[in-house]
Amino acid sequence: MTFLMPKRVTVTLADTVADKLQRWSDARGQAIATVAGVAIELALNEAETRGEIPPAKEIVTTNKEK
């Protein structure tokens, strides 16, 4: 069985973007990292819908049991 694990990344944001992210984080009462993840997910979903991101390749896994 394959488990997907969250990935940790480091990004550098312009001050204006970081300020908006902080305001959104405060408004939601969530950690800035959580809100950043939501923002990235929303942007990626939109880009994928517009066809800017190629479709994911299907991952085939086999589970050999003895």
C-alpha atoms as a PDB file:
ATOM      1  CA  MET A   1       0.000   0.000   0.000  1.00  0.00           C
ATOM      2  CA  THR A   2       1.314   3.453  -0.872  1.00  0.00           C
ATOM      3  CA  PHE A   3       0.775   6.403   1.459  1.00  0.00           C
ATOM      4  CA  LEU A   4       1.087   9.977   0.251  1.00  0.00           C
ATOM      5  CA  MET A   5       2.971  12.229   2.630  1.00  0.00           C
ATOM      6  CA  PRO A   6       2.723  16.009   2.787  1.00  0.00           C
ATOM      7  CA  LYS A   7       5.749  17.795   1.342  1.00  0.00           C
ATOM      8  CA  ARG A   8       7.491  20.722   2.976  1.00  0.00           C
ATOM      9  CA  VAL A   9       8.706  23.545   0.721  1.00  0.00           C
ATOM     10  CA  THR A  10      10.265  26.930   1.344  1.00  0.00           C
ATOM     11  CA  VAL A  11       9.163  29.955  -0.665  1.00  0.00           C
ATOM     12  CA  THR A  12      10.156  33.597  -0.688  1.00  0.00           C
ATOM     13  CA  LEU A  13       7.243  36.014  -1.008  1.00  0.00           C
ATOM     14  CA  ALA A  14       7.092  39.673  -1.871  1.00  0.00           C
ATOM     15  CA  ASP A  15       6.174  41.813   1.131  1.00  0.00           C
ATOM     16  CA  THR A  16       2.785  42.657  -0.362  1.00  0.00           C
ATOM     17  CA  VAL A  17       1.948  38.983  -0.898  1.00  0.00           C
ATOM     18  CA  ALA A  18       3.130  38.027   2.585  1.00  0.00           C
ATOM     19  CA  ASP A  19       1.016  40.832   4.074  1.00  0.00           C
ATOM     20  CA  LYS A  20      -2.117  39.629   2.261  1.00  0.00           C
ATOM     21  CA  LEU A  21      -1.401  36.068   3.328  1.00  0.00           C
ATOM     22  CA  GLN A  22      -1.006  37.168   6.945  1.00  0.00           C
ATOM     23  CA  ARG A  23      -4.281  39.126   6.847  1.00  0.00           C
ATOM     24  CA  TRP A  24      -6.081  36.107   5.379  1.00  0.00           C
ATOM     25  CA  SER A  25      -4.499  33.870   8.006  1.00  0.00           C
ATOM     26  CA  ASP A  26      -5.639  36.200  10.784  1.00  0.00           C
ATOM     27  CA  ALA A  27      -9.171  36.398   9.349  1.00  0.00           C
ATOM     28  CA  ARG A  28      -9.433  32.604   9.159  1.00  0.00           C
ATOM     29  CA  GLY A  29      -7.825  32.030  12.545  1.00  0.00           C
ATOM     30  CA  GLN A  30      -5.406  29.564  10.980  1.00  0.00           C
ATOM     31  CA  ALA A  31      -1.655  29.292  10.747  1.00  0.00           C
ATOM     32  CA  ILE A  32      -0.069  31.144   7.865  1.00  0.00           C
ATOM     33  CA  ALA A  33       1.355  27.854   6.526  1.00  0.00           C
ATOM     34  CA  THR A  34      -2.140  26.341   6.406  1.00  0.00           C
ATOM     35  CA  VAL A  35      -3.540  29.344   4.558  1.00  0.00           C
ATOM     36  CA  ALA A  36      -0.564  29.354   2.185  1.00  0.00           C
ATOM     37  CA  GLY A  37      -1.314  25.719   1.363  1.00  0.00           C
ATOM     38  CA  VAL A  38      -4.953  26.614   0.638  1.00  0.00           C
ATOM     39  CA  ALA A  39      -3.878  29.532  -1.580  1.00  0.00           C
ATOM     40  CA  ILE A  40      -1.465  27.356  -3.540  1.00  0.00           C
ATOM     41  CA  GLU A  41      -4.056  24.605  -3.949  1.00  0.00           C
ATOM     42  CA  LEU A  42      -6.656  27.083  -5.249  1.00  0.00           C
ATOM     43  CA  ALA A  43      -4.196  28.621  -7.711  1.00  0.00           C
ATOM     44  CA  LEU A  44      -3.050  25.213  -8.954  1.00  0.00           C
ATOM     45  CA  ASN A  45      -6.620  23.987  -9.421  1.00  0.00           C
ATOM     46  CA  GLU A  46      -7.404  27.082 -11.501  1.00  0.00           C
ATOM     47  CA  ALA A  47      -4.245  26.663 -13.598  1.00  0.00           C
ATOM     48  CA  GLU A  48      -5.067  22.995 -14.155  1.00  0.00           C
ATOM     49  CA  THR A  49      -8.624  23.868 -15.200  1.00  0.00           C
ATOM     50  CA  ARG A  50      -7.245  26.359 -17.736  1.00  0.00           C
ATOM     51  CA  GLY A  51      -4.982  23.637 -19.135  1.00  0.00           C
ATOM     52  CA  GLU A  52      -1.773  25.298 -17.972  1.00  0.00           C
ATOM     53  CA  ILE A  53      -0.768  22.193 -16.012  1.00  0.00           C
ATOM     54  CA  PRO A  54      -0.585  18.885 -17.882  1.00  0.00           C
ATOM     55  CA  PRO A  55      -2.708  16.027 -16.525  1.00  0.00           C
ATOM     56  CA  ALA A  56      -1.085  13.846 -13.886  1.00  0.00           C
ATOM     57  CA  LYS A  57       0.369  10.587 -15.083  1.00  0.00           C
ATOM     58  CA  GLU A  58      -1.327   7.593 -13.557  1.00  0.00           C
ATOM     59  CA  ILE A  59       0.829   5.874 -10.971  1.00  0.00           C
ATOM     60  CA  VAL A  60       0.579   2.119 -11.102  1.00  0.00           C
ATOM     61  CA  THR A  61       1.629   0.221  -8.019  1.00  0.00           C
ATOM     62  CA  THR A  62       1.724  -3.484  -7.498  1.00  0.00           C
ATOM     63  CA  ASN A  63       1.429  -5.197  -4.193  1.00  0.00           C
ATOM     64  CA  LYS A  64       3.133  -8.566  -4.173  1.00  0.00           C
ATOM     65  CA  GLU A  65       1.968 -10.695  -1.310  1.00  0.00           C
ATOM     66  CA  LYS A  66       3.431 -14.053  -0.469  1.00  0.00           C
END
